[in-house]
Each structure stands twice: as structure tokens, then as C-alpha cells.
């Protein structure tokens, strides 16, 4: 049986994860943290975040563009932690190659 302390601890952990993710999305949108850093070496709390949600944090990428990027890389409803090195490389290459407006926010070549 699950006791109240476990429920409270799980709720607090969930809140911490959501706060970390929001902070990262805000930092990516502001250009403070490049998307490549978040994809190549994701923090533990980022492992179960949907890739689409992370891509949407990039300024200049909306829902339609994010869906096109994921489709062209054959990535559908994956979590950041499920991406292989090849998936990560394909995703960053697709963003860099097709969408020059978002290049400065990717952190490639820095």
C-alpha cells in the first residue's frame, strides 16, 4: 500500500521536474542554452520529455515546423532519453540544414 508520504514525495518530484523543464525551455527560447547541448547531454530530468516539446522551445519553430522536422527524421512521439546518437545527429542536421533562421539557437559550431 502506498502511504501519504510517498504520494507527497512523488508530487514534489514531479513539480521539480516541471520547473527544470520550464526553465530549460525558457533558456532555449532566450538563446542562453543551445538546443544541441540539451539534446547531446540531456539531464536526468529531461529523459522523459517529448522531443517535440523541446524543439518547440526554439524561437522560430512552431508546431507545424516541429512536426515536419520530426517526420523528416522519422521520429514520432519519442522522448529525449529514447534518442540514439544517430537520431540526435539527424535532428540537429535537419534543423541546421533546412531552417537557417534557427541556426544561432542550435549551438553548433560554437
Protein backbone atom coordinates (compact mmCIF):
# COMPACT_ATOMS: atom_id res chain seq x y z
CA UNK A 1 0.00 0.00 0.00
CA UNK A 2 1.22 3.48 -0.84
CA UNK A 3 1.32 5.83 2.11
CA UNK A 4 0.73 9.56 2.10
CA UNK A 5 4.44 10.41 2.39
CA UNK A 6 5.16 8.57 -0.88
CA UNK A 7 2.37 10.42 -2.65
CA UNK A 8 3.62 13.78 -1.40
CA UNK A 9 7.22 12.94 -2.36
CA UNK A 10 6.14 11.91 -5.86
CA UNK A 11 4.17 15.14 -6.26
CA UNK A 12 7.15 17.21 -5.17
CA UNK A 13 9.45 15.34 -7.56
CA UNK A 14 7.01 15.96 -10.41
CA UNK A 15 6.91 19.67 -9.60
CA UNK A 16 10.72 19.83 -9.59
CA UNK A 17 10.92 18.13 -12.98
CA UNK A 18 8.32 20.51 -14.46
CA UNK A 19 10.19 23.53 -13.08
CA UNK A 20 13.51 22.33 -14.54
CA UNK A 21 11.91 21.69 -17.93
CA UNK A 22 10.24 25.11 -18.00
CA UNK A 23 13.50 26.79 -17.08
CA UNK A 24 15.29 24.95 -19.89
CA UNK A 25 12.58 25.84 -22.43
CA UNK A 26 12.84 29.49 -21.40
CA UNK A 27 16.64 29.40 -21.65
CA UNK A 28 16.49 27.82 -25.12
CA UNK A 29 13.94 30.39 -26.27
CA UNK A 30 16.13 33.23 -24.98
CA UNK A 31 19.21 31.77 -26.66
CA UNK A 32 21.01 31.24 -23.35
CA UNK A 33 21.25 27.46 -23.79
CA UNK A 34 21.67 25.92 -27.24
CA UNK A 35 19.36 23.09 -28.25
CA UNK A 36 22.37 20.95 -29.14
CA UNK A 37 23.53 20.97 -25.51
CA UNK A 38 20.14 19.85 -24.28
CA UNK A 39 19.95 17.07 -26.88
CA UNK A 40 23.51 15.77 -26.76
CA UNK A 41 23.87 15.60 -22.97
CA UNK A 42 20.37 15.65 -21.50
CA UNK A 43 19.99 15.98 -17.77
CA UNK A 44 18.22 13.12 -15.95
CA UNK A 45 15.00 15.13 -15.55
CA UNK A 46 14.91 15.69 -19.31
CA UNK A 47 14.94 11.99 -20.23
CA UNK A 48 11.16 11.57 -20.42
CA UNK A 49 10.41 14.93 -22.05
CA UNK A 50 8.89 14.64 -25.54
CA UNK A 51 11.36 15.66 -28.27
CA UNK A 52 8.65 17.79 -29.92
CA UNK A 53 8.25 19.84 -26.75
CA UNK A 54 11.98 20.53 -26.69
CA UNK A 55 12.06 21.54 -30.37
CA UNK A 56 9.11 23.88 -29.85
CA UNK A 57 11.23 25.80 -27.34
CA UNK A 58 13.47 27.03 -30.18
CA UNK A 59 12.42 30.51 -31.23
CA UNK A 60 11.18 30.38 -34.82
CA UNK A 61 9.95 26.79 -34.62
CA UNK A 62 6.20 26.35 -34.29
CA UNK A 63 4.02 23.24 -34.21
CA UNK A 64 3.93 22.73 -37.99
CA UNK A 65 7.67 23.13 -38.42
CA UNK A 66 8.35 20.86 -35.43
CA UNK A 67 6.12 18.15 -36.91
CA UNK A 68 7.86 18.43 -40.29
CA UNK A 69 11.28 18.18 -38.68
CA UNK A 70 10.30 15.09 -36.68
CA UNK A 71 8.68 13.46 -39.73
CA UNK A 72 11.72 14.07 -41.93
CA UNK A 73 13.93 12.44 -39.28
CA UNK A 74 11.39 9.61 -38.84
CA UNK A 75 10.98 10.46 -35.17
CA UNK A 76 7.48 10.21 -33.80
CA UNK A 77 6.48 10.65 -30.18
CA UNK A 78 9.93 9.86 -28.83
CA UNK A 79 11.23 11.01 -25.52
CA UNK A 80 14.61 12.75 -25.30
CA UNK A 81 16.06 9.78 -23.42
CA UNK A 82 14.98 7.38 -26.19
CA UNK A 83 17.03 9.14 -28.88
CA UNK A 84 20.11 7.38 -30.19
CA UNK A 85 23.24 9.29 -31.13
CA UNK A 86 22.24 8.94 -34.78
CA UNK A 87 18.76 10.34 -34.01
CA UNK A 88 20.27 13.33 -32.25
CA UNK A 89 22.67 13.99 -35.13
CA UNK A 90 19.91 13.67 -37.75
CA UNK A 91 17.66 16.02 -35.80
CA UNK A 92 20.31 18.72 -35.40
CA UNK A 93 21.40 18.34 -39.04
CA UNK A 94 17.81 18.72 -40.21
CA UNK A 95 17.30 21.84 -38.13
CA UNK A 96 20.63 23.32 -39.21
CA UNK A 97 20.27 22.47 -42.89
CA UNK A 98 16.65 23.33 -43.55
CA UNK A 99 15.98 26.19 -41.22
CA UNK A 100 18.76 28.81 -41.34
CA UNK A 101 16.79 31.18 -39.10
CA UNK A 102 17.21 28.85 -36.12
CA UNK A 103 20.95 28.15 -36.64
CA UNK A 104 22.13 30.61 -34.00
CA UNK A 105 19.96 28.87 -31.39
CA UNK A 106 21.32 25.39 -32.08
CA UNK A 107 24.79 25.94 -30.67
CA UNK A 108 26.52 24.11 -33.49
CA UNK A 109 29.97 25.32 -34.34
CA UNK A 110 30.45 27.25 -31.10
